[in-house]
C-alpha atoms as a PDB file:
ATOM      1  CA  UNK A   1      43.518  28.726 -41.939  1.00  0.00           C
ATOM      2  CA  UNK A   2      44.232  26.573 -38.717  1.00  0.00           C
ATOM      3  CA  UNK A   3      46.605  28.883 -36.687  1.00  0.00           C
ATOM      4  CA  UNK A   4      49.619  27.711 -35.859  1.00  0.00           C
ATOM      5  CA  UNK A   5      50.840  27.831 -32.491  1.00  0.00           C
ATOM      6  CA  UNK A   6      54.242  28.548 -31.183  1.00  0.00           C
ATOM      7  CA  UNK A   7      55.238  26.668 -28.903  1.00  0.00           C
ATOM      8  CA  UNK A   8      56.473  29.926 -26.352  1.00  0.00           C
ATOM      9  CA  UNK A   9      52.824  31.141 -26.977  1.00  0.00           C
ATOM     10  CA  UNK A  10      51.440  27.159 -25.844  1.00  0.00           C
ATOM     11  CA  UNK A  11      53.954  27.499 -22.904  1.00  0.00           C
ATOM     12  CA  UNK A  12      52.649  31.351 -21.925  1.00  0.00           C
ATOM     13  CA  UNK A  13      48.615  30.085 -21.923  1.00  0.00           C
ATOM     14  CA  UNK A  14      49.643  26.809 -19.819  1.00  0.00           C
ATOM     15  CA  UNK A  15      51.662  29.264 -17.260  1.00  0.00           C
ATOM     16  CA  UNK A  16      48.977  31.518 -17.365  1.00  0.00           C
ATOM     17  CA  UNK A  17      46.208  28.591 -16.723  1.00  0.00           C
ATOM     18  CA  UNK A  18      47.919  27.319 -14.352  1.00  0.00           C
ATOM     19  CA  UNK A  19      49.163  30.993 -12.470  1.00  0.00           C
ATOM     20  CA  UNK A  20      45.057  31.185 -12.099  1.00  0.00           C
ATOM     21  CA  UNK A  21      43.323  27.990 -10.649  1.00  0.00           C
ATOM     22  CA  UNK A  22      46.647  28.330  -8.426  1.00  0.00           C
ATOM     23  CA  UNK A  23      44.224  31.614  -6.967  1.00  0.00           C
ATOM     24  CA  UNK A  24      40.684  29.913  -7.001  1.00  0.00           C
ATOM     25  CA  UNK A  25      42.277  27.401  -4.961  1.00  0.00           C
ATOM     26  CA  UNK A  26      43.750  29.610  -2.753  1.00  0.00           C
ATOM     27  CA  UNK A  27      40.480  31.909  -2.767  1.00  0.00           C
ATOM     28  CA  UNK A  28      38.968  28.429  -2.745  1.00  0.00           C
ATOM     29  CA  UNK A  29      40.828  27.521   0.856  1.00  0.00           C
ATOM     30  CA  UNK A  30      40.373  31.087   2.167  1.00  0.00           C
ATOM     31  CA  UNK A  31      36.003  30.784   1.700  1.00  0.00           C
ATOM     32  CA  UNK A  32      35.110  33.345  -0.355  1.00  0.00           C
ATOM     33  CA  UNK A  33      34.191  32.951  -4.724  1.00  0.00           C
ATOM     34  CA  UNK A  34      36.838  33.993  -6.560  1.00  0.00           C
ATOM     35  CA  UNK A  35      34.852  37.106  -7.706  1.00  0.00           C
ATOM     36  CA  UNK A  36      34.748  38.481  -4.385  1.00  0.00           C
ATOM     37  CA  UNK A  37      37.937  37.021  -3.592  1.00  0.00           C
ATOM     38  CA  UNK A  38      38.655  40.188  -6.379  1.00  0.00           C
ATOM     39  CA  UNK A  39      36.647  42.941  -5.313  1.00  0.00           C
ATOM     40  CA  UNK A  40      38.260  42.240  -1.663  1.00  0.00           C
ATOM     41  CA  UNK A  41      41.700  42.051  -3.323  1.00  0.00           C
ATOM     42  CA  UNK A  42      40.198  45.204  -5.259  1.00  0.00           C
ATOM     43  CA  UNK A  43      39.271  47.197  -3.470  1.00  0.00           C
ATOM     44  CA  UNK A  44      42.486  46.595   0.040  1.00  0.00           C
ATOM     45  CA  UNK A  45      44.283  47.531  -3.114  1.00  0.00           C
ATOM     46  CA  UNK A  46      42.688  51.151  -2.906  1.00  0.00           C
ATOM     47  CA  UNK A  47      42.002  51.360   0.986  1.00  0.00           C
ATOM     48  CA  UNK A  48      39.593  50.974   2.432  1.00  0.00           C
ATOM     49  CA  UNK A  49      37.365  52.725  -0.094  1.00  0.00           C
ATOM     50  CA  UNK A  50      37.499  51.632  -4.106  1.00  0.00           C
ATOM     51  CA  UNK A  51      35.563  54.286  -7.241  1.00  0.00           C
ATOM     52  CA  UNK A  52      33.384  50.528  -8.454  1.00  0.00           C
ATOM     53  CA  UNK A  53      34.727  51.786 -11.817  1.00  0.00           C
ATOM     54  CA  UNK A  54      38.187  51.085 -11.052  1.00  0.00           C
ATOM     55  CA  UNK A  55      37.101  47.546  -9.582  1.00  0.00           C
ATOM     56  CA  UNK A  56      35.626  46.521 -12.211  1.00  0.00           C
ATOM     57  CA  UNK A  57      38.716  47.753 -14.987  1.00  0.00           C
ATOM     58  CA  UNK A  58      41.415  45.682 -12.428  1.00  0.00           C
ATOM     59  CA  UNK A  59      39.262  42.835 -11.655  1.00  0.00           C
ATOM     60  CA  UNK A  60      38.378  42.221 -15.221  1.00  0.00           C
ATOM     61  CA  UNK A  61      34.927  41.135 -13.813  1.00  0.00           C
ATOM     62  CA  UNK A  62      31.494  42.612 -15.610  1.00  0.00           C
ATOM     63  CA  UNK A  63      29.467  44.618 -14.831  1.00  0.00           C
ATOM     64  CA  UNK A  64      26.919  42.389 -13.570  1.00  0.00           C
ATOM     65  CA  UNK A  65      29.113  39.703 -12.710  1.00  0.00           C
ATOM     66  CA  UNK A  66      31.169  42.557  -9.862  1.00  0.00           C
ATOM     67  CA  UNK A  67      27.139  44.113  -9.239  1.00  0.00           C
ATOM     68  CA  UNK A  68      26.138  40.359  -7.867  1.00  0.00           C
ATOM     69  CA  UNK A  69      29.100  40.163  -5.637  1.00  0.00           C
ATOM     70  CA  UNK A  70      28.701  42.999  -4.331  1.00  0.00           C
ATOM     71  CA  UNK A  71      24.929  42.367  -3.966  1.00  0.00           C
ATOM     72  CA  UNK A  72      26.229  39.362  -1.353  1.00  0.00           C
ATOM     73  CA  UNK A  73      28.581  40.993  -0.222  1.00  0.00           C
ATOM     74  CA  UNK A  74      26.680  44.075   1.043  1.00  0.00           C
ATOM     75  CA  UNK A  75      24.029  41.629   2.105  1.00  0.00           C
ATOM     76  CA  UNK A  76      26.976  40.066   4.451  1.00  0.00           C
ATOM     77  CA  UNK A  77      27.635  43.401   6.105  1.00  0.00           C
ATOM     78  CA  UNK A  78      31.164  43.478   4.782  1.00  0.00           C
ATOM     79  CA  UNK A  79      30.866  46.304   2.327  1.00  0.00           C
ATOM     80  CA  UNK A  80      28.474  49.569   1.887  1.00  0.00           C
ATOM     81  CA  UNK A  81      28.478  51.328  -1.520  1.00  0.00           C
ATOM     82  CA  UNK A  82      28.250  55.388  -1.216  1.00  0.00           C
ATOM     83  CA  UNK A  83      27.275  57.328  -4.225  1.00  0.00           C
ATOM     84  CA  UNK A  84      29.915  59.731  -5.370  1.00  0.00           C
ATOM     85  CA  UNK A  85      29.069  62.349  -7.370  1.00  0.00           C
ATOM     86  CA  UNK A  86      25.990  62.446  -9.533  1.00  0.00           C
ATOM     87  CA  UNK A  87      26.980  58.895 -11.444  1.00  0.00           C
ATOM     88  CA  UNK A  88      29.755  57.136  -9.479  1.00  0.00           C
ATOM     89  CA  UNK A  89      30.050  54.505  -6.582  1.00  0.00           C
ATOM     90  CA  UNK A  90      32.667  54.266  -4.346  1.00  0.00           C
ATOM     91  CA  UNK A  91      32.795  50.541  -2.008  1.00  0.00           C
ATOM     92  CA  UNK A  92      34.432  50.727   0.690  1.00  0.00           C
ATOM     93  CA  UNK A  93      34.465  48.483   3.612  1.00  0.00           C
ATOM     94  CA  UNK A  94      32.456  48.255   6.917  1.00  0.00           C
ATOM     95  CA  UNK A  95      34.327  47.209  10.283  1.00  0.00           C
ATOM     96  CA  UNK A  96      33.858  43.229   8.642  1.00  0.00           C
ATOM     97  CA  UNK A  97      34.654  43.879   5.522  1.00  0.00           C
ATOM     98  CA  UNK A  98      38.463  45.390   6.220  1.00  0.00           C
ATOM     99  CA  UNK A  99      38.554  41.960   8.708  1.00  0.00           C
ATOM    100  CA  UNK A 100      37.776  40.097   6.463  1.00  0.00           C
ATOM    101  CA  UNK A 101      40.342  41.472   3.111  1.00  0.00           C
ATOM    102  CA  UNK A 102      41.997  41.381   5.918  1.00  0.00           C
ATOM    103  CA  UNK A 103      42.265  37.439   6.699  1.00  0.00           C
ATOM    104  CA  UNK A 104      41.673  36.314   3.063  1.00  0.00           C
ATOM    105  CA  UNK A 105      42.823  38.966  -0.331  1.00  0.00           C
ATOM    106  CA  UNK A 106      45.360  40.431   2.223  1.00  0.00           C
ATOM    107  CA  UNK A 107      47.050  37.191   2.890  1.00  0.00           C
ATOM    108  CA  UNK A 108      46.822  36.307  -0.932  1.00  0.00           C
ATOM    109  CA  UNK A 109      48.410  39.872  -1.681  1.00  0.00           C
ATOM    110  CA  UNK A 110      51.351  38.992   1.358  1.00  0.00           C
ATOM    111  CA  UNK A 111      51.454  35.639  -0.800  1.00  0.00           C
ATOM    112  CA  UNK A 112      52.334  37.775  -3.772  1.00  0.00           C
ATOM    113  CA  UNK A 113      54.468  40.270  -2.060  1.00  0.00           C
ATOM    114  CA  UNK A 114      56.990  37.541  -0.675  1.00  0.00           C
ATOM    115  CA  UNK A 115      57.349  36.077  -3.919  1.00  0.00           C
ATOM    116  CA  UNK A 116      58.563  39.410  -5.405  1.00  0.00           C
ATOM    117  CA  UNK A 117      60.760  39.318  -1.582  1.00  0.00           C
ATOM    118  CA  UNK A 118      62.606  36.512  -2.727  1.00  0.00           C
ATOM    119  CA  UNK A 119      63.882  37.409  -6.110  1.00  0.00           C
ATOM    120  CA  UNK A 120      66.157  40.096  -7.087  1.00  0.00           C
ATOM    121  CA  UNK A 121      65.590  43.734  -7.732  1.00  0.00           C
ATOM    122  CA  UNK A 122      66.767  42.870 -11.636  1.00  0.00           C
ATOM    123  CA  UNK A 123      64.176  39.695 -11.288  1.00  0.00           C
ATOM    124  CA  UNK A 124      61.850  41.433 -10.007  1.00  0.00           C
ATOM    125  CA  UNK A 125      62.335  44.322 -13.060  1.00  0.00           C
ATOM    126  CA  UNK A 126      62.967  42.202 -15.584  1.00  0.00           C
ATOM    127  CA  UNK A 127      59.571  41.029 -14.867  1.00  0.00           C
ATOM    128  CA  UNK A 128      57.955  43.688 -13.676  1.00  0.00           C
ATOM    129  CA  UNK A 129      59.372  44.991 -17.407  1.00  0.00           C
ATOM    130  CA  UNK A 130      58.261  42.244 -19.656  1.00  0.00           C
ATOM    131  CA  UNK A 131      55.034  41.384 -18.691  1.00  0.00           C
ATOM    132  CA  UNK A 132      54.110  45.598 -19.474  1.00  0.00           C
ATOM    133  CA  UNK A 133      56.038  44.775 -22.790  1.00  0.00           C
ATOM    134  CA  UNK A 134      53.757  42.504 -23.427  1.00  0.00           C
ATOM    135  CA  UNK A 135      50.499  44.257 -21.996  1.00  0.00           C
ATOM    136  CA  UNK A 136      51.659  47.366 -24.168  1.00  0.00           C
ATOM    137  CA  UNK A 137      52.047  45.312 -27.999  1.00  0.00           C
ATOM    138  CA  UNK A 138      48.934  43.584 -27.066  1.00  0.00           C
ATOM    139  CA  UNK A 139      46.928  46.596 -26.855  1.00  0.00           C
ATOM    140  CA  UNK A 140      48.478  47.744 -29.786  1.00  0.00           C
ATOM    141  CA  UNK A 141      47.467  44.114 -31.732  1.00  0.00           C
ATOM    142  CA  UNK A 142      43.681  44.283 -29.985  1.00  0.00           C
ATOM    143  CA  UNK A 143      43.577  48.450 -31.752  1.00  0.00           C
ATOM    144  CA  UNK A 144      44.754  46.841 -34.633  1.00  0.00           C
ATOM    145  CA  UNK A 145      42.541  44.182 -34.853  1.00  0.00           C
ATOM    146  CA  UNK A 146      39.137  46.908 -35.066  1.00  0.00           C
ATOM    147  CA  UNK A 147      36.654  46.139 -37.260  1.00  0.00           C
ATOM    148  CA  UNK A 148      38.934  43.197 -38.782  1.00  0.00           C
ATOM    149  CA  UNK A 149      36.012  40.651 -38.198  1.00  0.00           C
END
């Protein structure tokens, strides 16, 4: 049975894809791969260091993709890894890496913040509240799917 797709879902999927494409174009203009940019963004959001596990979680990139991008960033002298405990690693900026993050991922963050600043407080709260509600509801639906393939 073919699922019926609502016009709202089609619009949502279009907007999601369009937004992803815009981020991709921004990263290309800044000279970064999507994965490197997302990693720099995740670290920058935390300060100058971020647990490796958090990077995988916040970027939604596979462990393999994150490790591959990190090896490249490490080889370029942008980041280094530190052990935190016996099993966990933390990714840290070098001075050069922090400068790169500021002029790339930092610019993306500034653009995003400018957009939120241009909206009314109510618009921001509505957008974030609905996005949060959608994520919660989607998580519930995902949990219902377990074992029903």
